[in-house]
């Protein structure tokens, strides 16, 4: 089934906000690995919404990151710092899911704050 583009953008961005709330809940109950995972996915869903809005698509997480960098970071529509943050979130998610990575409360807490700002910046781009 194919959905109208605006509906898909709205759905994916709602998923981003809901997943960010999940990350906050996990953080507050000291489930740091889960929080790191949910932070990445919150950002991923927001970026996915942005890409749909601009008619870009990728079936791979690395492709989503590449499209974000090529079409929004390199063009100055989103800051280089946010591009690096998204890449770091991808790495943290991979390491927390598949490797022996320590989840540090201060790092995850700071990532939570940055993720909120990142998602807000993505929302502004979607509205443009």
PDB file of N, CA and C in Angstrom:
ATOM      1  N   UNK A   1       0.844  -1.182   0.000  1.00  0.00           N
ATOM      2  CA  UNK A   1       0.000   0.000   0.000  1.00  0.00           C
ATOM      3  C   UNK A   1       0.888   1.244   0.000  1.00  0.00           C
ATOM      4  N   UNK A   2       0.539   2.190  -0.817  1.00  0.00           N
ATOM      5  CA  UNK A   2       1.273   3.443  -0.912  1.00  0.00           C
ATOM      6  C   UNK A   2       0.488   4.536  -0.205  1.00  0.00           C
ATOM      7  N   UNK A   3       1.203   5.312   0.597  1.00  0.00           N
ATOM      8  CA  UNK A   3       0.581   6.405   1.343  1.00  0.00           C
ATOM      9  C   UNK A   3       0.936   7.740   0.697  1.00  0.00           C
ATOM     10  N   UNK A   4       0.041   8.711   0.800  1.00  0.00           N
ATOM     11  CA  UNK A   4       0.393  10.051   0.332  1.00  0.00           C
ATOM     12  C   UNK A   4       1.650  10.540   1.066  1.00  0.00           C
ATOM     13  N   UNK A   5       2.484  11.232   0.341  1.00  0.00           N
ATOM     14  CA  UNK A   5       3.778  11.674   0.888  1.00  0.00           C
ATOM     15  C   UNK A   5       3.615  12.442   2.194  1.00  0.00           C
ATOM     16  N   UNK A   6       2.700  13.392   2.265  1.00  0.00           N
ATOM     17  CA  UNK A   6       2.528  14.176   3.498  1.00  0.00           C
ATOM     18  C   UNK A   6       2.138  13.301   4.684  1.00  0.00           C
ATOM     19  N   UNK A   7       1.322  12.282   4.436  1.00  0.00           N
ATOM     20  CA  UNK A   7       0.939  11.366   5.517  1.00  0.00           C
ATOM     21  C   UNK A   7       2.149  10.575   6.012  1.00  0.00           C
ATOM     22  N   UNK A   8       2.987  10.135   5.087  1.00  0.00           N
ATOM     23  CA  UNK A   8       4.180   9.372   5.467  1.00  0.00           C
ATOM     24  C   UNK A   8       5.170  10.252   6.228  1.00  0.00           C
ATOM     25  N   UNK A   9       5.335  11.479   5.807  1.00  0.00           N
ATOM     26  CA  UNK A   9       6.212  12.422   6.515  1.00  0.00           C
ATOM     27  C   UNK A   9       5.707  12.610   7.944  1.00  0.00           C
ATOM     28  N   UNK A  10       4.425  12.856   8.066  1.00  0.00           N
ATOM     29  CA  UNK A  10       3.819  13.073   9.385  1.00  0.00           C
ATOM     30  C   UNK A  10       3.973  11.830  10.272  1.00  0.00           C
ATOM     31  N   UNK A  11       3.712  10.657   9.709  1.00  0.00           N
ATOM     32  CA  UNK A  11       3.841   9.398  10.456  1.00  0.00           C
ATOM     33  C   UNK A  11       5.269   9.190  10.947  1.00  0.00           C
ATOM     34  N   UNK A  12       6.233   9.366  10.069  1.00  0.00           N
ATOM     35  CA  UNK A  12       7.625   9.140  10.471  1.00  0.00           C
ATOM     36  C   UNK A  12       8.079  10.159  11.514  1.00  0.00           C
ATOM     37  N   UNK A  13       7.619  11.395  11.389  1.00  0.00           N
ATOM     38  CA  UNK A  13       8.028  12.375  12.386  1.00  0.00           C
ATOM     39  C   UNK A  13       7.363  12.097  13.729  1.00  0.00           C
ATOM     40  N   UNK A  14       6.136  11.626  13.721  1.00  0.00           N
ATOM     41  CA  UNK A  14       5.478  11.223  14.968  1.00  0.00           C
ATOM     42  C   UNK A  14       6.224  10.064  15.614  1.00  0.00           C
ATOM     43  N   UNK A  15       6.702   9.138  14.809  1.00  0.00           N
ATOM     44  CA  UNK A  15       7.531   8.030  15.329  1.00  0.00           C
ATOM     45  C   UNK A  15       8.791   8.569  15.979  1.00  0.00           C
ATOM     46  N   UNK A  16       9.382   9.601  15.382  1.00  0.00           N
ATOM     47  CA  UNK A  16      10.583  10.212  15.957  1.00  0.00           C
ATOM     48  C   UNK A  16      10.290  10.758  17.348  1.00  0.00           C
ATOM     49  N   UNK A  17       9.195  11.488  17.485  1.00  0.00           N
ATOM     50  CA  UNK A  17       8.855  12.084  18.782  1.00  0.00           C
ATOM     51  C   UNK A  17       8.527  11.010  19.817  1.00  0.00           C
ATOM     52  N   UNK A  18       7.791   9.994  19.413  1.00  0.00           N
ATOM     53  CA  UNK A  18       7.448   8.902  20.331  1.00  0.00           C
ATOM     54  C   UNK A  18       8.700   8.146  20.774  1.00  0.00           C
ATOM     55  N   UNK A  19       9.601   7.903  19.854  1.00  0.00           N
ATOM     56  CA  UNK A  19      10.826   7.174  20.165  1.00  0.00           C
ATOM     57  C   UNK A  19      11.735   8.006  21.061  1.00  0.00           C
ATOM     58  N   UNK A  20      11.731   9.308  20.898  1.00  0.00           N
ATOM     59  CA  UNK A  20      12.479  10.191  21.794  1.00  0.00           C
ATOM     60  C   UNK A  20      11.917  10.084  23.212  1.00  0.00           C
ATOM     61  N   UNK A  21      10.609  10.019  23.337  1.00  0.00           N
ATOM     62  CA  UNK A  21       9.987   9.828  24.660  1.00  0.00           C
ATOM     63  C   UNK A  21      10.405   8.492  25.263  1.00  0.00           C
ATOM     64  N   UNK A  22      10.495   7.448  24.447  1.00  0.00           N
ATOM     65  CA  UNK A  22      10.965   6.140  24.928  1.00  0.00           C
ATOM     66  C   UNK A  22      12.389   6.256  25.461  1.00  0.00           C
ATOM     67  N   UNK A  23      13.235   6.990  24.749  1.00  0.00           N
ATOM     68  CA  UNK A  23      14.616   7.183  25.189  1.00  0.00           C
ATOM     69  C   UNK A  23      14.657   7.886  26.541  1.00  0.00           C
ATOM     70  N   UNK A  24      13.810   8.894  26.708  1.00  0.00           N
ATOM     71  CA  UNK A  24      13.754   9.608  27.989  1.00  0.00           C
ATOM     72  C   UNK A  24      13.333   8.673  29.118  1.00  0.00           C
ATOM     73  N   UNK A  25      12.337   7.824  28.864  1.00  0.00           N
ATOM     74  CA  UNK A  25      11.890   6.874  29.880  1.00  0.00           C
ATOM     75  C   UNK A  25      12.995   5.882  30.244  1.00  0.00           C
ATOM     76  N   UNK A  26      13.676   5.386  29.241  1.00  0.00           N
ATOM     77  CA  UNK A  26      14.767   4.445  29.493  1.00  0.00           C
ATOM     78  C   UNK A  26      15.905   5.110  30.246  1.00  0.00           C
ATOM     79  N   UNK A  27      16.204   6.339  29.884  1.00  0.00           N
ATOM     80  CA  UNK A  27      17.257   7.086  30.574  1.00  0.00           C
ATOM     81  C   UNK A  27      16.881   7.285  32.034  1.00  0.00           C
ATOM     82  N   UNK A  28      15.636   7.644  32.299  1.00  0.00           N
ATOM     83  CA  UNK A  28      15.210   7.910  33.680  1.00  0.00           C
ATOM     84  C   UNK A  28      15.209   6.658  34.536  1.00  0.00           C
ATOM     85  N   UNK A  29      15.118   5.491  33.908  1.00  0.00           N
ATOM     86  CA  UNK A  29      15.172   4.242  34.677  1.00  0.00           C
ATOM     87  C   UNK A  29      16.526   3.552  34.538  1.00  0.00           C
ATOM     88  N   UNK A  30      17.524   4.302  34.049  1.00  0.00           N
ATOM     89  CA  UNK A  30      18.914   3.850  33.968  1.00  0.00           C
ATOM     90  C   UNK A  30      19.131   2.675  33.001  1.00  0.00           C
ATOM     91  N   UNK A  31      18.313   2.585  31.971  1.00  0.00           N
ATOM     92  CA  UNK A  31      18.510   1.596  30.908  1.00  0.00           C
ATOM     93  C   UNK A  31      19.263   2.292  29.776  1.00  0.00           C
ATOM     94  N   UNK A  32      20.572   2.430  29.981  1.00  0.00           N
ATOM     95  CA  UNK A  32      21.380   3.262  29.096  1.00  0.00           C
ATOM     96  C   UNK A  32      21.540   2.687  27.691  1.00  0.00           C
ATOM     97  N   UNK A  33      21.688   1.370  27.583  1.00  0.00           N
ATOM     98  CA  UNK A  33      21.838   0.782  26.252  1.00  0.00           C
ATOM     99  C   UNK A  33      20.551   0.958  25.453  1.00  0.00           C
ATOM    100  N   UNK A  34      19.426   0.742  26.092  1.00  0.00           N
ATOM    101  CA  UNK A  34      18.142   0.950  25.435  1.00  0.00           C
ATOM    102  C   UNK A  34      17.944   2.404  25.064  1.00  0.00           C
ATOM    103  N   UNK A  35      18.353   3.306  25.950  1.00  0.00           N
ATOM    104  CA  UNK A  35      18.226   4.742  25.670  1.00  0.00           C
ATOM    105  C   UNK A  35      19.076   5.124  24.462  1.00  0.00           C
ATOM    106  N   UNK A  36      20.309   4.605  24.387  1.00  0.00           N
ATOM    107  CA  UNK A  36      21.181   4.902  23.238  1.00  0.00           C
ATOM    108  C   UNK A  36      20.550   4.403  21.942  1.00  0.00           C
ATOM    109  N   UNK A  37      19.981   3.226  21.982  1.00  0.00           N
ATOM    110  CA  UNK A  37      19.308   2.663  20.822  1.00  0.00           C
ATOM    111  C   UNK A  37      18.136   3.548  20.401  1.00  0.00           C
ATOM    112  N   UNK A  38      17.293   3.926  21.340  1.00  0.00           N
ATOM    113  CA  UNK A  38      16.109   4.715  21.028  1.00  0.00           C
ATOM    114  C   UNK A  38      16.485   6.122  20.561  1.00  0.00           C
ATOM    115  N   UNK A  39      17.585   6.679  21.087  1.00  0.00           N
ATOM    116  CA  UNK A  39      18.028   7.996  20.620  1.00  0.00           C
ATOM    117  C   UNK A  39      18.390   7.943  19.141  1.00  0.00           C
ATOM    118  N   UNK A  40      19.117   6.910  18.755  1.00  0.00           N
ATOM    119  CA  UNK A  40      19.454   6.786  17.339  1.00  0.00           C
ATOM    120  C   UNK A  40      18.187   6.675  16.506  1.00  0.00           C
ATOM    121  N   UNK A  41      17.280   5.799  16.914  1.00  0.00           N
ATOM    122  CA  UNK A  41      16.080   5.597  16.106  1.00  0.00           C
ATOM    123  C   UNK A  41      15.191   6.837  16.069  1.00  0.00           C
ATOM    124  N   UNK A  42      15.149   7.603  17.137  1.00  0.00           N
ATOM    125  CA  UNK A  42      14.391   8.861  17.110  1.00  0.00           C
ATOM    126  C   UNK A  42      14.961   9.775  16.033  1.00  0.00           C
ATOM    127  N   UNK A  43      16.271   9.885  15.992  1.00  0.00           N
ATOM    128  CA  UNK A  43      16.921  10.716  14.972  1.00  0.00           C
ATOM    129  C   UNK A  43      16.717  10.125  13.582  1.00  0.00           C
ATOM    130  N   UNK A  44      16.821   8.811  13.472  1.00  0.00           N
ATOM    131  CA  UNK A  44      16.621   8.125  12.197  1.00  0.00           C
ATOM    132  C   UNK A  44      15.226   8.391  11.633  1.00  0.00           C
ATOM    133  N   UNK A  45      14.204   8.268  12.461  1.00  0.00           N
ATOM    134  CA  UNK A  45      12.842   8.504  11.987  1.00  0.00           C
ATOM    135  C   UNK A  45      12.652   9.957  11.548  1.00  0.00           C
ATOM    136  N   UNK A  46      13.259  10.886  12.281  1.00  0.00           N
ATOM    137  CA  UNK A  46      13.160  12.301  11.899  1.00  0.00           C
ATOM    138  C   UNK A  46      13.835  12.525  10.548  1.00  0.00           C
ATOM    139  N   UNK A  47      15.037  11.981  10.370  1.00  0.00           N
ATOM    140  CA  UNK A  47      15.749  12.128   9.101  1.00  0.00           C
ATOM    141  C   UNK A  47      14.972  11.443   7.984  1.00  0.00           C
ATOM    142  N   UNK A  48      14.395  10.286   8.266  1.00  0.00           N
ATOM    143  CA  UNK A  48      13.595   9.587   7.259  1.00  0.00           C
ATOM    144  C   UNK A  48      12.413  10.439   6.813  1.00  0.00           C
ATOM    145  N   UNK A  49      11.781  11.121   7.750  1.00  0.00           N
ATOM    146  CA  UNK A  49      10.674  12.019   7.409  1.00  0.00           C
ATOM    147  C   UNK A  49      11.163  13.143   6.504  1.00  0.00           C
ATOM    148  N   UNK A  50      12.312  13.698   6.839  1.00  0.00           N
ATOM    149  CA  UNK A  50      12.887  14.770   6.026  1.00  0.00           C
ATOM    150  C   UNK A  50      13.179  14.281   4.609  1.00  0.00           C
ATOM    151  N   UNK A  51      13.745  13.096   4.510  1.00  0.00           N
ATOM    152  CA  UNK A  51      14.080  12.558   3.190  1.00  0.00           C
ATOM    153  C   UNK A  51      12.831  12.317   2.353  1.00  0.00           C
ATOM    154  N   UNK A  52      11.783  11.765   2.971  1.00  0.00           N
ATOM    155  CA  UNK A  52      10.529  11.558   2.248  1.00  0.00           C
ATOM    156  C   UNK A  52       9.973  12.898   1.780  1.00  0.00           C
ATOM    157  N   UNK A  53      10.036  13.883   2.645  1.00  0.00           N
ATOM    158  CA  UNK A  53       9.533  15.232   2.312  1.00  0.00           C
ATOM    159  C   UNK A  53      10.175  15.766   1.036  1.00  0.00           C
ATOM    160  N   UNK A  54      11.466  15.433   0.853  1.00  0.00           N
ATOM    161  CA  UNK A  54      12.214  15.920  -0.307  1.00  0.00           C
ATOM    162  C   UNK A  54      12.389  14.849  -1.384  1.00  0.00           C
ATOM    163  N   UNK A  55      11.601  13.789  -1.272  1.00  0.00           N
ATOM    164  CA  UNK A  55      11.556  12.718  -2.270  1.00  0.00           C
ATOM    165  C   UNK A  55      12.876  11.977  -2.448  1.00  0.00           C
ATOM    166  N   UNK A  56      13.571  11.746  -1.340  1.00  0.00           N
ATOM    167  CA  UNK A  56      14.761  10.896  -1.324  1.00  0.00           C
ATOM    168  C   UNK A  56      14.393   9.601  -0.602  1.00  0.00           C
ATOM    169  N   UNK A  57      15.078   8.515  -0.952  1.00  0.00           N
ATOM    170  CA  UNK A  57      14.794   7.244  -0.287  1.00  0.00           C
ATOM    171  C   UNK A  57      16.033   6.367  -0.261  1.00  0.00           C
ATOM    172  N   UNK A  58      16.135   5.582   0.796  1.00  0.00           N
ATOM    173  CA  UNK A  58      17.180   4.573   0.913  1.00  0.00           C
ATOM    174  C   UNK A  58      16.651   3.444   1.777  1.00  0.00           C
ATOM    175  N   UNK A  59      17.011   2.232   1.423  1.00  0.00           N
ATOM    176  CA  UNK A  59      16.579   1.078   2.212  1.00  0.00           C
ATOM    177  C   UNK A  59      17.602   0.716   3.289  1.00  0.00           C
ATOM    178  N   UNK A  60      18.717   1.439   3.338  1.00  0.00           N
ATOM    179  CA  UNK A  60      19.779   1.135   4.307  1.00  0.00           C
ATOM    180  C   UNK A  60      20.036   2.334   5.207  1.00  0.00           C
ATOM    181  N   UNK A  61      20.410   2.041   6.450  1.00  0.00           N
ATOM    182  CA  UNK A  61      20.725   3.107   7.401  1.00  0.00           C
ATOM    183  C   UNK A  61      21.904   3.942   6.909  1.00  0.00           C
ATOM    184  N   UNK A  62      22.899   3.281   6.340  1.00  0.00           N
ATOM    185  CA  UNK A  62      24.053   4.020   5.829  1.00  0.00           C
ATOM    186  C   UNK A  62      23.642   4.921   4.661  1.00  0.00           C
ATOM    187  N   UNK A  63      22.677   4.488   3.880  1.00  0.00           N
ATOM    188  CA  UNK A  63      22.176   5.310   2.785  1.00  0.00           C
ATOM    189  C   UNK A  63      21.438   6.538   3.283  1.00  0.00           C
ATOM    190  N   UNK A  64      20.683   6.377   4.363  1.00  0.00           N
ATOM    191  CA  UNK A  64      19.981   7.515   4.974  1.00  0.00           C
ATOM    192  C   UNK A  64      21.011   8.542   5.433  1.00  0.00           C
ATOM    193  N   UNK A  65      22.076   8.059   6.086  1.00  0.00           N
ATOM    194  CA  UNK A  65      23.125   8.961   6.556  1.00  0.00           C
ATOM    195  C   UNK A  65      23.797   9.666   5.383  1.00  0.00           C
ATOM    196  N   UNK A  66      24.056   8.938   4.323  1.00  0.00           N
ATOM    197  CA  UNK A  66      24.689   9.518   3.144  1.00  0.00           C
ATOM    198  C   UNK A  66      23.805  10.590   2.506  1.00  0.00           C
ATOM    199  N   UNK A  67      22.505  10.308   2.388  1.00  0.00           N
ATOM    200  CA  UNK A  67      21.576  11.287   1.821  1.00  0.00           C
ATOM    201  C   UNK A  67      21.483  12.535   2.688  1.00  0.00           C
ATOM    202  N   UNK A  68      21.466  12.360   4.000  1.00  0.00           N
ATOM    203  CA  UNK A  68      21.438  13.510   4.902  1.00  0.00           C
ATOM    204  C   UNK A  68      22.676  14.372   4.681  1.00  0.00           C
ATOM    205  N   UNK A  69      23.838  13.729   4.665  1.00  0.00           N
ATOM    206  CA  UNK A  69      25.084  14.477   4.504  1.00  0.00           C
ATOM    207  C   UNK A  69      25.167  15.169   3.151  1.00  0.00           C
ATOM    208  N   UNK A  70      24.827  14.450   2.097  1.00  0.00           N
ATOM    209  CA  UNK A  70      24.954  14.997   0.741  1.00  0.00           C
ATOM    210  C   UNK A  70      23.969  16.133   0.475  1.00  0.00           C
ATOM    211  N   UNK A  71      22.731  15.976   0.929  1.00  0.00           N
ATOM    212  CA  UNK A  71      21.685  16.922   0.540  1.00  0.00           C
ATOM    213  C   UNK A  71      21.373  17.996   1.576  1.00  0.00           C
ATOM    214  N   UNK A  72      21.840  17.805   2.810  1.00  0.00           N
ATOM    215  CA  UNK A  72      21.487  18.782   3.832  1.00  0.00           C
ATOM    216  C   UNK A  72      22.691  19.331   4.594  1.00  0.00           C
ATOM    217  N   UNK A  73      23.678  18.491   4.872  1.00  0.00           N
ATOM    218  CA  UNK A  73      24.865  18.985   5.582  1.00  0.00           C
ATOM    219  C   UNK A  73      25.773  19.730   4.615  1.00  0.00           C
ATOM    220  N   UNK A  74      26.130  19.092   3.512  1.00  0.00           N
ATOM    221  CA  UNK A  74      27.050  19.720   2.556  1.00  0.00           C
ATOM    222  C   UNK A  74      26.473  20.966   1.911  1.00  0.00           C
ATOM    223  N   UNK A  75      25.155  21.071   1.878  1.00  0.00           N
ATOM    224  CA  UNK A  75      24.513  22.258   1.296  1.00  0.00           C
ATOM    225  C   UNK A  75      24.310  23.358   2.336  1.00  0.00           C
ATOM    226  N   UNK A  76      24.635  23.070   3.595  1.00  0.00           N
ATOM    227  CA  UNK A  76      24.498  24.064   4.653  1.00  0.00           C
ATOM    228  C   UNK A  76      23.102  24.187   5.227  1.00  0.00           C
ATOM    229  N   UNK A  77      22.194  23.314   4.820  1.00  0.00           N
ATOM    230  CA  UNK A  77      20.830  23.373   5.346  1.00  0.00           C
ATOM    231  C   UNK A  77      20.753  22.863   6.784  1.00  0.00           C
ATOM    232  N   UNK A  78      21.712  22.028   7.140  1.00  0.00           N
ATOM    233  CA  UNK A  78      21.832  21.541   8.515  1.00  0.00           C
ATOM    234  C   UNK A  78      23.312  21.597   8.870  1.00  0.00           C
ATOM    235  N   UNK A  79      23.604  21.875  10.116  1.00  0.00           N
ATOM    236  CA  UNK A  79      24.999  22.108  10.506  1.00  0.00           C
ATOM    237  C   UNK A  79      25.861  20.846  10.421  1.00  0.00           C
ATOM    238  N   UNK A  80      27.137  21.063  10.210  1.00  0.00           N
ATOM    239  CA  UNK A  80      28.109  19.975  10.197  1.00  0.00           C
ATOM    240  C   UNK A  80      28.092  19.251  11.544  1.00  0.00           C
ATOM    241  N   UNK A  81      27.908  20.009  12.623  1.00  0.00           N
ATOM    242  CA  UNK A  81      27.865  19.405  13.963  1.00  0.00           C
ATOM    243  C   UNK A  81      26.719  18.405  14.069  1.00  0.00           C
ATOM    244  N   UNK A  82      25.564  18.759  13.502  1.00  0.00           N
ATOM    245  CA  UNK A  82      24.436  17.820  13.523  1.00  0.00           C
ATOM    246  C   UNK A  82      24.704  16.610  12.640  1.00  0.00           C
ATOM    247  N   UNK A  83      25.396  16.796  11.540  1.00  0.00           N
ATOM    248  CA  UNK A  83      25.779  15.666  10.699  1.00  0.00           C
ATOM    249  C   UNK A  83      26.694  14.716  11.448  1.00  0.00           C
ATOM    250  N   UNK A  84      27.643  15.264  12.171  1.00  0.00           N
ATOM    251  CA  UNK A  84      28.551  14.443  12.977  1.00  0.00           C
ATOM    252  C   UNK A  84      27.799  13.767  14.118  1.00  0.00           C
ATOM    253  N   UNK A  85      26.864  14.492  14.721  1.00  0.00           N
ATOM    254  CA  UNK A  85      26.056  13.923  15.800  1.00  0.00           C
ATOM    255  C   UNK A  85      25.272  12.710  15.293  1.00  0.00           C
ATOM    256  N   UNK A  86      24.638  12.844  14.140  1.00  0.00           N
ATOM    257  CA  UNK A  86      23.857  11.723  13.597  1.00  0.00           C
ATOM    258  C   UNK A  86      24.759  10.518  13.329  1.00  0.00           C
ATOM    259  N   UNK A  87      25.927  10.754  12.788  1.00  0.00           N
ATOM    260  CA  UNK A  87      26.885   9.665  12.551  1.00  0.00           C
ATOM    261  C   UNK A  87      27.296   9.004  13.865  1.00  0.00           C
ATOM    262  N   UNK A  88      27.513   9.826  14.885  1.00  0.00           N
ATOM    263  CA  UNK A  88      27.892   9.292  16.203  1.00  0.00           C
ATOM    264  C   UNK A  88      26.757   8.465  16.798  1.00  0.00           C
ATOM    265  N   UNK A  89      25.522   8.917  16.629  1.00  0.00           N
ATOM    266  CA  UNK A  89      24.374   8.155  17.133  1.00  0.00           C
ATOM    267  C   UNK A  89      24.294   6.795  16.450  1.00  0.00           C
ATOM    268  N   UNK A  90      24.562   6.774  15.147  1.00  0.00           N
ATOM    269  CA  UNK A  90      24.582   5.513  14.402  1.00  0.00           C
ATOM    270  C   UNK A  90      25.652   4.580  14.980  1.00  0.00           C
ATOM    271  N   UNK A  91      26.836   5.121  15.222  1.00  0.00           N
ATOM    272  CA  UNK A  91      27.922   4.321  15.790  1.00  0.00           C
ATOM    273  C   UNK A  91      27.580   3.824  17.192  1.00  0.00           C
ATOM    274  N   UNK A  92      27.008   4.686  18.016  1.00  0.00           N
ATOM    275  CA  UNK A  92      26.631   4.285  19.379  1.00  0.00           C
ATOM    276  C   UNK A  92      25.588   3.178  19.348  1.00  0.00           C
ATOM    277  N   UNK A  93      24.614   3.313  18.470  1.00  0.00           N
ATOM    278  CA  UNK A  93      23.580   2.282  18.365  1.00  0.00           C
ATOM    279  C   UNK A  93      24.188   0.959  17.941  1.00  0.00           C
ATOM    280  N   UNK A  94      25.041   0.982  16.943  1.00  0.00           N
ATOM    281  CA  UNK A  94      25.681  -0.248  16.479  1.00  0.00           C
ATOM    282  C   UNK A  94      26.521  -0.879  17.574  1.00  0.00           C
ATOM    283  N   UNK A  95      27.313  -0.070  18.248  1.00  0.00           N
ATOM    284  CA  UNK A  95      28.176  -0.598  19.304  1.00  0.00           C
ATOM    285  C   UNK A  95      27.372  -1.093  20.499  1.00  0.00           C
ATOM    286  N   UNK A  96      26.326  -0.371  20.876  1.00  0.00           N
ATOM    287  CA  UNK A  96      25.547  -0.802  22.034  1.00  0.00           C
ATOM    288  C   UNK A  96      24.744  -2.056  21.726  1.00  0.00           C
ATOM    289  N   UNK A  97      24.374  -2.256  20.459  1.00  0.00           N
ATOM    290  CA  UNK A  97      23.605  -3.442  20.077  1.00  0.00           C
ATOM    291  C   UNK A  97      24.493  -4.650  19.782  1.00  0.00           C
ATOM    292  N   UNK A  98      25.663  -4.422  19.176  1.00  0.00           N
ATOM    293  CA  UNK A  98      26.439  -5.538  18.648  1.00  0.00           C
ATOM    294  C   UNK A  98      27.841  -5.702  19.222  1.00  0.00           C
ATOM    295  N   UNK A  99      28.330  -4.764  19.989  1.00  0.00           N
ATOM    296  CA  UNK A  99      29.698  -4.840  20.504  1.00  0.00           C
ATOM    297  C   UNK A  99      29.681  -4.636  22.016  1.00  0.00           C
ATOM    298  N   UNK A 100      30.837  -4.715  22.589  1.00  0.00           N
ATOM    299  CA  UNK A 100      30.976  -4.486  24.025  1.00  0.00           C
ATOM    300  C   UNK A 100      31.304  -3.023  24.251  1.00  0.00           C
ATOM    301  N   UNK A 101      30.274  -2.205  24.313  1.00  0.00           N
ATOM    302  CA  UNK A 101      30.444  -0.778  24.525  1.00  0.00           C
ATOM    303  C   UNK A 101      29.884  -0.417  25.891  1.00  0.00           C
ATOM    304  N   UNK A 102      30.595   0.417  26.594  1.00  0.00           N
ATOM    305  CA  UNK A 102      30.086   0.922  27.855  1.00  0.00           C
ATOM    306  C   UNK A 102      29.180   2.103  27.576  1.00  0.00           C
ATOM    307  N   UNK A 103      28.024   2.099  28.184  1.00  0.00           N
ATOM    308  CA  UNK A 103      27.111   3.234  28.058  1.00  0.00           C
ATOM    309  C   UNK A 103      27.318   4.114  29.284  1.00  0.00           C
ATOM    310  N   UNK A 104      27.832   5.301  29.069  1.00  0.00           N
ATOM    311  CA  UNK A 104      28.126   6.213  30.167  1.00  0.00           C
ATOM    312  C   UNK A 104      26.954   7.164  30.369  1.00  0.00           C
ATOM    313  N   UNK A 105      26.455   7.266  31.602  1.00  0.00           N
ATOM    314  CA  UNK A 105      25.275   8.111  31.857  1.00  0.00           C
ATOM    315  C   UNK A 105      25.439   9.551  31.385  1.00  0.00           C
ATOM    316  N   UNK A 106      26.596  10.159  31.599  1.00  0.00           N
ATOM    317  CA  UNK A 106      26.796  11.549  31.192  1.00  0.00           C
ATOM    318  C   UNK A 106      26.735  11.705  29.673  1.00  0.00           C
ATOM    319  N   UNK A 107      27.299  10.742  28.959  1.00  0.00           N
ATOM    320  CA  UNK A 107      27.310  10.798  27.495  1.00  0.00           C
ATOM    321  C   UNK A 107      25.894  10.627  26.955  1.00  0.00           C
ATOM    322  N   UNK A 108      25.180   9.632  27.478  1.00  0.00           N
ATOM    323  CA  UNK A 108      23.814   9.387  27.005  1.00  0.00           C
ATOM    324  C   UNK A 108      22.912  10.574  27.346  1.00  0.00           C
ATOM    325  N   UNK A 109      23.111  11.157  28.508  1.00  0.00           N
ATOM    326  CA  UNK A 109      22.325  12.328  28.910  1.00  0.00           C
ATOM    327  C   UNK A 109      22.575  13.506  27.975  1.00  0.00           C
ATOM    328  N   UNK A 110      23.821  13.737  27.628  1.00  0.00           N
ATOM    329  CA  UNK A 110      24.155  14.826  26.698  1.00  0.00           C
ATOM    330  C   UNK A 110      23.603  14.531  25.306  1.00  0.00           C
ATOM    331  N   UNK A 111      23.691  13.261  24.893  1.00  0.00           N
ATOM    332  CA  UNK A 111      23.131  12.874  23.595  1.00  0.00           C
ATOM    333  C   UNK A 111      21.621  13.101  23.555  1.00  0.00           C
ATOM    334  N   UNK A 112      20.954  12.873  24.667  1.00  0.00           N
ATOM    335  CA  UNK A 112      19.511  13.106  24.741  1.00  0.00           C
ATOM    336  C   UNK A 112      19.187  14.577  24.481  1.00  0.00           C
ATOM    337  N   UNK A 113      19.941  15.452  25.113  1.00  0.00           N
ATOM    338  CA  UNK A 113      19.729  16.894  24.905  1.00  0.00           C
ATOM    339  C   UNK A 113      19.976  17.279  23.451  1.00  0.00           C
ATOM    340  N   UNK A 114      21.051  16.775  22.890  1.00  0.00           N
ATOM    341  CA  UNK A 114      21.382  17.111  21.504  1.00  0.00           C
ATOM    342  C   UNK A 114      20.357  16.519  20.544  1.00  0.00           C
ATOM    343  N   UNK A 115      19.877  15.310  20.836  1.00  0.00           N
ATOM    344  CA  UNK A 115      18.873  14.676  19.978  1.00  0.00           C
ATOM    345  C   UNK A 115      17.602  15.524  19.919  1.00  0.00           C
ATOM    346  N   UNK A 116      17.209  16.103  21.047  1.00  0.00           N
ATOM    347  CA  UNK A 116      16.021  16.969  21.062  1.00  0.00           C
ATOM    348  C   UNK A 116      16.224  18.156  20.126  1.00  0.00           C
ATOM    349  N   UNK A 117      17.394  18.770  20.199  1.00  0.00           N
ATOM    350  CA  UNK A 117      17.697  19.916  19.334  1.00  0.00           C
ATOM    351  C   UNK A 117      17.793  19.496  17.865  1.00  0.00           C
ATOM    352  N   UNK A 118      18.416  18.348  17.630  1.00  0.00           N
ATOM    353  CA  UNK A 118      18.563  17.810  16.274  1.00  0.00           C
ATOM    354  C   UNK A 118      17.188  17.582  15.648  1.00  0.00           C
ATOM    355  N   UNK A 119      16.299  16.940  16.384  1.00  0.00           N
ATOM    356  CA  UNK A 119      14.965  16.632  15.869  1.00  0.00           C
ATOM    357  C   UNK A 119      14.178  17.915  15.628  1.00  0.00           C
ATOM    358  N   UNK A 120      14.357  18.886  16.479  1.00  0.00           N
ATOM    359  CA  UNK A 120      13.703  20.183  16.272  1.00  0.00           C
ATOM    360  C   UNK A 120      14.212  20.848  14.990  1.00  0.00           C
ATOM    361  N   UNK A 121      15.523  20.765  14.750  1.00  0.00           N
ATOM    362  CA  UNK A 121      16.092  21.343  13.525  1.00  0.00           C
ATOM    363  C   UNK A 121      15.558  20.623  12.289  1.00  0.00           C
ATOM    364  N   UNK A 122      15.421  19.314  12.383  1.00  0.00           N
ATOM    365  CA  UNK A 122      14.871  18.539  11.274  1.00  0.00           C
ATOM    366  C   UNK A 122      13.418  18.957  11.022  1.00  0.00           C
ATOM    367  N   UNK A 123      12.670  19.154  12.101  1.00  0.00           N
ATOM    368  CA  UNK A 123      11.283  19.570  11.963  1.00  0.00           C
ATOM    369  C   UNK A 123      11.177  20.900  11.214  1.00  0.00           C
ATOM    370  N   UNK A 124      12.075  21.818  11.510  1.00  0.00           N
ATOM    371  CA  UNK A 124      12.065  23.107  10.810  1.00  0.00           C
ATOM    372  C   UNK A 124      12.336  22.921   9.315  1.00  0.00           C
ATOM    373  N   UNK A 125      13.246  22.029   8.976  1.00  0.00           N
ATOM    374  CA  UNK A 125      13.530  21.762   7.555  1.00  0.00           C
ATOM    375  C   UNK A 125      12.333  21.132   6.859  1.00  0.00           C
ATOM    376  N   UNK A 126      11.622  20.287   7.571  1.00  0.00           N
ATOM    377  CA  UNK A 126      10.430  19.645   6.987  1.00  0.00           C
ATOM    378  C   UNK A 126       9.381  20.688   6.664  1.00  0.00           C
ATOM    379  N   UNK A 127       9.255  21.690   7.527  1.00  0.00           N
ATOM    380  CA  UNK A 127       8.251  22.732   7.344  1.00  0.00           C
ATOM    381  C   UNK A 127       8.567  23.669   6.187  1.00  0.00           C
ATOM    382  N   UNK A 128       9.826  23.764   5.814  1.00  0.00           N
ATOM    383  CA  UNK A 128      10.223  24.692   4.740  1.00  0.00           C
ATOM    384  C   UNK A 128       9.749  24.226   3.372  1.00  0.00           C
TER     385      UNK A 128
END
